[in-house]
C-alpha atoms as a PDB file:
ATOM      1  CA  UNK A   1      76.040  93.097 150.028  1.00  0.00           C
ATOM      2  CA  UNK A   2      74.918  90.083 148.034  1.00  0.00           C
ATOM      3  CA  UNK A   3      73.998  90.534 144.408  1.00  0.00           C
ATOM      4  CA  UNK A   4      71.044  89.059 142.591  1.00  0.00           C
ATOM      5  CA  UNK A   5      72.425  85.920 140.971  1.00  0.00           C
ATOM      6  CA  UNK A   6      71.566  85.647 137.281  1.00  0.00           C
ATOM      7  CA  UNK A   7      73.025  83.918 134.253  1.00  0.00           C
ATOM      8  CA  UNK A   8      75.371  86.501 132.683  1.00  0.00           C
ATOM      9  CA  UNK A   9      74.549  87.581 129.153  1.00  0.00           C
ATOM     10  CA  UNK A  10      77.008  87.967 126.314  1.00  0.00           C
ATOM     11  CA  UNK A  11      79.029  84.783 126.891  1.00  0.00           C
ATOM     12  CA  UNK A  12      79.106  81.616 124.829  1.00  0.00           C
ATOM     13  CA  UNK A  13      77.124  78.626 126.110  1.00  0.00           C
ATOM     14  CA  UNK A  14      76.741  75.012 125.057  1.00  0.00           C
ATOM     15  CA  UNK A  15      79.033  72.040 124.401  1.00  0.00           C
ATOM     16  CA  UNK A  16      81.355  73.938 122.044  1.00  0.00           C
ATOM     17  CA  UNK A  17      81.240  77.219 123.952  1.00  0.00           C
ATOM     18  CA  UNK A  18      85.003  77.397 124.482  1.00  0.00           C
ATOM     19  CA  UNK A  19      85.733  76.900 120.781  1.00  0.00           C
ATOM     20  CA  UNK A  20      83.354  79.691 119.820  1.00  0.00           C
ATOM     21  CA  UNK A  21      84.647  81.935 122.610  1.00  0.00           C
ATOM     22  CA  UNK A  22      88.196  81.428 121.377  1.00  0.00           C
ATOM     23  CA  UNK A  23      87.231  82.420 117.853  1.00  0.00           C
ATOM     24  CA  UNK A  24      85.402  85.510 119.108  1.00  0.00           C
ATOM     25  CA  UNK A  25      88.408  86.533 121.196  1.00  0.00           C
ATOM     26  CA  UNK A  26      90.809  86.062 118.273  1.00  0.00           C
ATOM     27  CA  UNK A  27      88.683  88.428 116.238  1.00  0.00           C
ATOM     28  CA  UNK A  28      89.086  91.090 118.949  1.00  0.00           C
ATOM     29  CA  UNK A  29      92.885  91.006 119.162  1.00  0.00           C
ATOM     30  CA  UNK A  30      93.549  93.814 116.704  1.00  0.00           C
ATOM     31  CA  UNK A  31      94.411  96.835 118.824  1.00  0.00           C
ATOM     32  CA  UNK A  32      94.160  94.941 122.118  1.00  0.00           C
ATOM     33  CA  UNK A  33      96.017  96.546 125.012  1.00  0.00           C
ATOM     34  CA  UNK A  34      96.232  93.311 126.998  1.00  0.00           C
ATOM     35  CA  UNK A  35      95.255  89.650 126.873  1.00  0.00           C
ATOM     36  CA  UNK A  36      94.307  87.155 129.571  1.00  0.00           C
ATOM     37  CA  UNK A  37      94.405  83.496 128.569  1.00  0.00           C
ATOM     38  CA  UNK A  38      92.062  81.284 130.608  1.00  0.00           C
ATOM     39  CA  UNK A  39      90.854  77.720 130.365  1.00  0.00           C
ATOM     40  CA  UNK A  40      87.120  78.084 129.775  1.00  0.00           C
ATOM     41  CA  UNK A  41      84.173  80.448 129.547  1.00  0.00           C
ATOM     42  CA  UNK A  42      83.405  80.321 133.276  1.00  0.00           C
ATOM     43  CA  UNK A  43      86.965  81.539 133.917  1.00  0.00           C
ATOM     44  CA  UNK A  44      86.427  84.326 131.383  1.00  0.00           C
ATOM     45  CA  UNK A  45      83.314  85.361 133.286  1.00  0.00           C
ATOM     46  CA  UNK A  46      85.145  85.266 136.616  1.00  0.00           C
ATOM     47  CA  UNK A  47      87.954  87.503 135.307  1.00  0.00           C
ATOM     48  CA  UNK A  48      85.470  90.084 134.069  1.00  0.00           C
ATOM     49  CA  UNK A  49      83.517  89.985 137.358  1.00  0.00           C
ATOM     50  CA  UNK A  50      86.652  90.249 139.494  1.00  0.00           C
ATOM     51  CA  UNK A  51      87.902  93.229 137.500  1.00  0.00           C
ATOM     52  CA  UNK A  52      84.655  95.064 138.253  1.00  0.00           C
ATOM     53  CA  UNK A  53      85.064  94.312 141.974  1.00  0.00           C
ATOM     54  CA  UNK A  54      88.624  95.618 141.956  1.00  0.00           C
ATOM     55  CA  UNK A  55      87.555  98.648 139.958  1.00  0.00           C
ATOM     56  CA  UNK A  56      89.629  97.924 136.855  1.00  0.00           C
ATOM     57  CA  UNK A  57      88.291  98.800 133.411  1.00  0.00           C
ATOM     58  CA  UNK A  58      89.128  95.946 131.042  1.00  0.00           C
ATOM     59  CA  UNK A  59      88.087  97.852 127.927  1.00  0.00           C
ATOM     60  CA  UNK A  60      90.592  96.851 125.258  1.00  0.00           C
ATOM     61  CA  UNK A  61      91.703  93.765 127.194  1.00  0.00           C
ATOM     62  CA  UNK A  62      90.763  90.452 125.590  1.00  0.00           C
ATOM     63  CA  UNK A  63      89.971  87.591 127.974  1.00  0.00           C
ATOM     64  CA  UNK A  64      90.401  84.510 125.809  1.00  0.00           C
ATOM     65  CA  UNK A  65      89.354  80.965 126.740  1.00  0.00           C
ATOM     66  CA  UNK A  66      91.696  78.437 125.133  1.00  0.00           C
ATOM     67  CA  UNK A  67      90.389  75.097 126.415  1.00  0.00           C
ATOM     68  CA  UNK A  68      93.245  74.145 128.735  1.00  0.00           C
ATOM     69  CA  UNK A  69      97.023  74.091 129.049  1.00  0.00           C
ATOM     70  CA  UNK A  70      97.389  71.735 126.087  1.00  0.00           C
ATOM     71  CA  UNK A  71      96.371  74.651 123.863  1.00  0.00           C
ATOM     72  CA  UNK A  72      98.775  77.215 125.313  1.00  0.00           C
ATOM     73  CA  UNK A  73     101.465  76.881 122.628  1.00  0.00           C
ATOM     74  CA  UNK A  74      98.906  77.322 119.847  1.00  0.00           C
ATOM     75  CA  UNK A  75      97.353  80.292 121.654  1.00  0.00           C
ATOM     76  CA  UNK A  76     100.719  81.988 122.050  1.00  0.00           C
ATOM     77  CA  UNK A  77     101.370  81.407 118.353  1.00  0.00           C
ATOM     78  CA  UNK A  78      98.065  83.079 117.526  1.00  0.00           C
ATOM     79  CA  UNK A  79      99.042  86.051 119.688  1.00  0.00           C
ATOM     80  CA  UNK A  80     102.436  86.311 118.016  1.00  0.00           C
ATOM     81  CA  UNK A  81     100.714  86.446 114.641  1.00  0.00           C
ATOM     82  CA  UNK A  82      98.063  89.003 115.598  1.00  0.00           C
ATOM     83  CA  UNK A  83      99.342  91.293 118.365  1.00  0.00           C
ATOM     84  CA  UNK A  84     101.450  94.309 117.511  1.00  0.00           C
ATOM     85  CA  UNK A  85     104.079  95.445 120.002  1.00  0.00           C
ATOM     86  CA  UNK A  86     104.729  94.358 123.549  1.00  0.00           C
ATOM     87  CA  UNK A  87     101.138  93.808 124.624  1.00  0.00           C
ATOM     88  CA  UNK A  88     101.061  92.320 128.144  1.00  0.00           C
ATOM     89  CA  UNK A  89      99.692  88.785 128.289  1.00  0.00           C
ATOM     90  CA  UNK A  90      98.602  86.967 131.460  1.00  0.00           C
ATOM     91  CA  UNK A  91      98.051  83.217 131.574  1.00  0.00           C
ATOM     92  CA  UNK A  92      95.849  81.929 134.393  1.00  0.00           C
ATOM     93  CA  UNK A  93      96.588  78.249 134.893  1.00  0.00           C
ATOM     94  CA  UNK A  94      96.078  75.402 137.324  1.00  0.00           C
ATOM     95  CA  UNK A  95      98.918  74.324 139.588  1.00  0.00           C
ATOM     96  CA  UNK A  96      99.112  70.880 137.984  1.00  0.00           C
ATOM     97  CA  UNK A  97      99.450  72.449 134.535  1.00  0.00           C
ATOM     98  CA  UNK A  98     101.979  75.117 135.518  1.00  0.00           C
ATOM     99  CA  UNK A  99     105.096  73.213 134.336  1.00  0.00           C
ATOM    100  CA  UNK A 100     103.584  72.737 130.877  1.00  0.00           C
ATOM    101  CA  UNK A 101     102.605  76.401 130.693  1.00  0.00           C
ATOM    102  CA  UNK A 102     106.013  77.579 131.858  1.00  0.00           C
ATOM    103  CA  UNK A 103     107.714  75.489 129.149  1.00  0.00           C
ATOM    104  CA  UNK A 104     105.447  77.017 126.518  1.00  0.00           C
ATOM    105  CA  UNK A 105     106.200  80.510 127.807  1.00  0.00           C
ATOM    106  CA  UNK A 106     109.926  79.807 127.751  1.00  0.00           C
ATOM    107  CA  UNK A 107     109.661  78.846 124.083  1.00  0.00           C
ATOM    108  CA  UNK A 108     107.658  81.949 123.177  1.00  0.00           C
ATOM    109  CA  UNK A 109     109.373  84.953 121.676  1.00  0.00           C
ATOM    110  CA  UNK A 110     106.663  87.309 122.925  1.00  0.00           C
ATOM    111  CA  UNK A 111     107.713  89.679 125.696  1.00  0.00           C
ATOM    112  CA  UNK A 112     105.461  90.525 128.609  1.00  0.00           C
ATOM    113  CA  UNK A 113     103.887  87.074 128.983  1.00  0.00           C
ATOM    114  CA  UNK A 114     103.476  85.890 132.570  1.00  0.00           C
ATOM    115  CA  UNK A 115     101.828  82.888 134.148  1.00  0.00           C
ATOM    116  CA  UNK A 116      99.694  83.266 137.272  1.00  0.00           C
ATOM    117  CA  UNK A 117      99.153  79.970 139.026  1.00  0.00           C
ATOM    118  CA  UNK A 118      96.022  78.993 140.941  1.00  0.00           C
ATOM    119  CA  UNK A 119      96.490  76.463 143.734  1.00  0.00           C
ATOM    120  CA  UNK A 120      94.054  73.971 142.197  1.00  0.00           C
ATOM    121  CA  UNK A 121      92.170  76.055 139.669  1.00  0.00           C
ATOM    122  CA  UNK A 122      90.449  79.439 139.498  1.00  0.00           C
ATOM    123  CA  UNK A 123      87.156  78.043 140.756  1.00  0.00           C
ATOM    124  CA  UNK A 124      88.908  76.615 143.808  1.00  0.00           C
ATOM    125  CA  UNK A 125      90.582  79.964 144.498  1.00  0.00           C
ATOM    126  CA  UNK A 126      87.222  81.758 144.420  1.00  0.00           C
ATOM    127  CA  UNK A 127      85.474  79.154 146.579  1.00  0.00           C
ATOM    128  CA  UNK A 128      88.159  79.375 149.250  1.00  0.00           C
ATOM    129  CA  UNK A 129      88.106  83.164 149.162  1.00  0.00           C
ATOM    130  CA  UNK A 130      84.329  83.301 149.618  1.00  0.00           C
ATOM    131  CA  UNK A 131      84.100  80.725 152.394  1.00  0.00           C
ATOM    132  CA  UNK A 132      81.212  78.476 153.379  1.00  0.00           C
ATOM    133  CA  UNK A 133      78.889  81.110 154.839  1.00  0.00           C
ATOM    134  CA  UNK A 134      78.921  83.378 151.811  1.00  0.00           C
ATOM    135  CA  UNK A 135      78.611  80.435 149.424  1.00  0.00           C
ATOM    136  CA  UNK A 136      75.528  79.260 151.289  1.00  0.00           C
ATOM    137  CA  UNK A 137      74.055  82.752 151.053  1.00  0.00           C
ATOM    138  CA  UNK A 138      74.643  82.755 147.308  1.00  0.00           C
ATOM    139  CA  UNK A 139      73.016  79.341 146.969  1.00  0.00           C
ATOM    140  CA  UNK A 140      69.996  80.663 148.828  1.00  0.00           C
ATOM    141  CA  UNK A 141      69.855  83.858 146.776  1.00  0.00           C
ATOM    142  CA  UNK A 142      69.725  81.976 143.480  1.00  0.00           C
ATOM    143  CA  UNK A 143      67.104  79.577 144.838  1.00  0.00           C
ATOM    144  CA  UNK A 144      69.362  76.513 144.868  1.00  0.00           C
ATOM    145  CA  UNK A 145      69.095  75.662 148.582  1.00  0.00           C
ATOM    146  CA  UNK A 146      66.799  72.664 148.100  1.00  0.00           C
ATOM    147  CA  UNK A 147      68.643  71.051 145.166  1.00  0.00           C
ATOM    148  CA  UNK A 148      71.989  71.630 146.865  1.00  0.00           C
ATOM    149  CA  UNK A 149      70.684  69.985 150.039  1.00  0.00           C
ATOM    150  CA  UNK A 150      69.398  67.005 148.047  1.00  0.00           C
ATOM    151  CA  UNK A 151      72.732  66.509 146.335  1.00  0.00           C
ATOM    152  CA  UNK A 152      74.611  66.932 149.616  1.00  0.00           C
ATOM    153  CA  UNK A 153      72.496  64.175 151.188  1.00  0.00           C
ATOM    154  CA  UNK A 154      73.421  61.638 148.532  1.00  0.00           C
ATOM    155  CA  UNK A 155      75.701  58.870 149.893  1.00  0.00           C
ATOM    156  CA  UNK A 156      78.431  59.715 147.401  1.00  0.00           C
ATOM    157  CA  UNK A 157      78.643  63.295 148.695  1.00  0.00           C
ATOM    158  CA  UNK A 158      77.324  63.355 152.265  1.00  0.00           C
ATOM    159  CA  UNK A 159      80.780  62.798 153.778  1.00  0.00           C
ATOM    160  CA  UNK A 160      82.601  65.169 151.440  1.00  0.00           C
ATOM    161  CA  UNK A 161      83.672  68.624 152.664  1.00  0.00           C
ATOM    162  CA  UNK A 162      81.438  71.537 151.792  1.00  0.00           C
ATOM    163  CA  UNK A 163      83.730  73.002 149.073  1.00  0.00           C
ATOM    164  CA  UNK A 164      83.822  69.670 147.238  1.00  0.00           C
ATOM    165  CA  UNK A 165      80.049  69.383 147.360  1.00  0.00           C
ATOM    166  CA  UNK A 166      79.648  72.942 146.146  1.00  0.00           C
ATOM    167  CA  UNK A 167      82.027  72.375 143.223  1.00  0.00           C
ATOM    168  CA  UNK A 168      80.147  69.244 142.214  1.00  0.00           C
ATOM    169  CA  UNK A 169      76.811  71.032 142.470  1.00  0.00           C
ATOM    170  CA  UNK A 170      77.939  73.991 140.377  1.00  0.00           C
ATOM    171  CA  UNK A 171      79.399  71.723 137.718  1.00  0.00           C
ATOM    172  CA  UNK A 172      76.354  69.478 137.466  1.00  0.00           C
ATOM    173  CA  UNK A 173      73.636  71.986 136.582  1.00  0.00           C
ATOM    174  CA  UNK A 174      73.007  73.728 133.289  1.00  0.00           C
ATOM    175  CA  UNK A 175      74.241  77.301 133.472  1.00  0.00           C
ATOM    176  CA  UNK A 176      75.400  77.059 137.083  1.00  0.00           C
ATOM    177  CA  UNK A 177      79.102  77.430 136.341  1.00  0.00           C
ATOM    178  CA  UNK A 178      78.399  80.673 134.515  1.00  0.00           C
ATOM    179  CA  UNK A 179      76.046  82.026 137.178  1.00  0.00           C
ATOM    180  CA  UNK A 180      78.348  81.319 140.089  1.00  0.00           C
ATOM    181  CA  UNK A 181      81.490  82.417 138.233  1.00  0.00           C
ATOM    182  CA  UNK A 182      79.813  85.799 137.859  1.00  0.00           C
ATOM    183  CA  UNK A 183      78.395  85.862 141.388  1.00  0.00           C
ATOM    184  CA  UNK A 184      81.197  84.671 143.671  1.00  0.00           C
ATOM    185  CA  UNK A 185      83.543  87.614 142.979  1.00  0.00           C
ATOM    186  CA  UNK A 186      80.754  90.041 143.886  1.00  0.00           C
ATOM    187  CA  UNK A 187      80.647  88.827 147.497  1.00  0.00           C
ATOM    188  CA  UNK A 188      84.378  89.526 147.873  1.00  0.00           C
ATOM    189  CA  UNK A 189      85.981  92.816 148.726  1.00  0.00           C
ATOM    190  CA  UNK A 190      88.642  94.189 146.371  1.00  0.00           C
ATOM    191  CA  UNK A 191      91.353  92.922 148.709  1.00  0.00           C
ATOM    192  CA  UNK A 192      89.769  89.455 148.850  1.00  0.00           C
ATOM    193  CA  UNK A 193      90.037  88.679 145.148  1.00  0.00           C
ATOM    194  CA  UNK A 194      92.419  85.681 144.938  1.00  0.00           C
ATOM    195  CA  UNK A 195      96.015  86.767 144.440  1.00  0.00           C
ATOM    196  CA  UNK A 196      96.642  85.023 141.078  1.00  0.00           C
ATOM    197  CA  UNK A 197      93.489  86.540 139.624  1.00  0.00           C
ATOM    198  CA  UNK A 198      94.156  90.030 140.958  1.00  0.00           C
ATOM    199  CA  UNK A 199      97.768  89.891 139.763  1.00  0.00           C
ATOM    200  CA  UNK A 200      96.761  88.764 136.276  1.00  0.00           C
ATOM    201  CA  UNK A 201      94.292  91.640 135.989  1.00  0.00           C
ATOM    202  CA  UNK A 202      96.917  94.106 137.212  1.00  0.00           C
ATOM    203  CA  UNK A 203      99.465  92.776 134.713  1.00  0.00           C
ATOM    204  CA  UNK A 204      97.285  93.412 131.678  1.00  0.00           C
ATOM    205  CA  UNK A 205      95.705  96.657 132.854  1.00  0.00           C
ATOM    206  CA  UNK A 206      98.902  98.510 133.555  1.00  0.00           C
END
């Protein structure tokens, strides 16, 4: 059943949203039972939404946007300084950034850190899992059918495959990345959550 698509509350928004989200997450690390490192706030939202679909309670797990793979070494250093004990840490990363992340993990002294690699990125994993029909239903539910059709008709995008057009559309509108990051997991069954995402959630939730 399709959900009502709304902009999720409680997440940072705006140009410096990731910076503020990182600071908020750092402040929550004391006593954390698990940590998921993600690139941005929309990924943070997707992790939380997917966990609810799977039926996993992430209470005590900190999902921390870090701004990309270039920040992974600094983020791991922050965790080393703040986490007590062998708290499991999952790193969700893009395929192209995996070698950089793996090098950073190899240099870390923290146990229980694992990287979970998305084929392109987390958004791509979710789009492929949902498929065209369910994405179109979500677009209709949020009231974006007309603007999506207008963008799709533009010469620069009319010949592009549907997933590419959808990604461009979601990234171009204010608040869309947050809305769809929250909504796409809800049209998936628990066994349809992309494998890297499901495995990362399982790693930190025990």
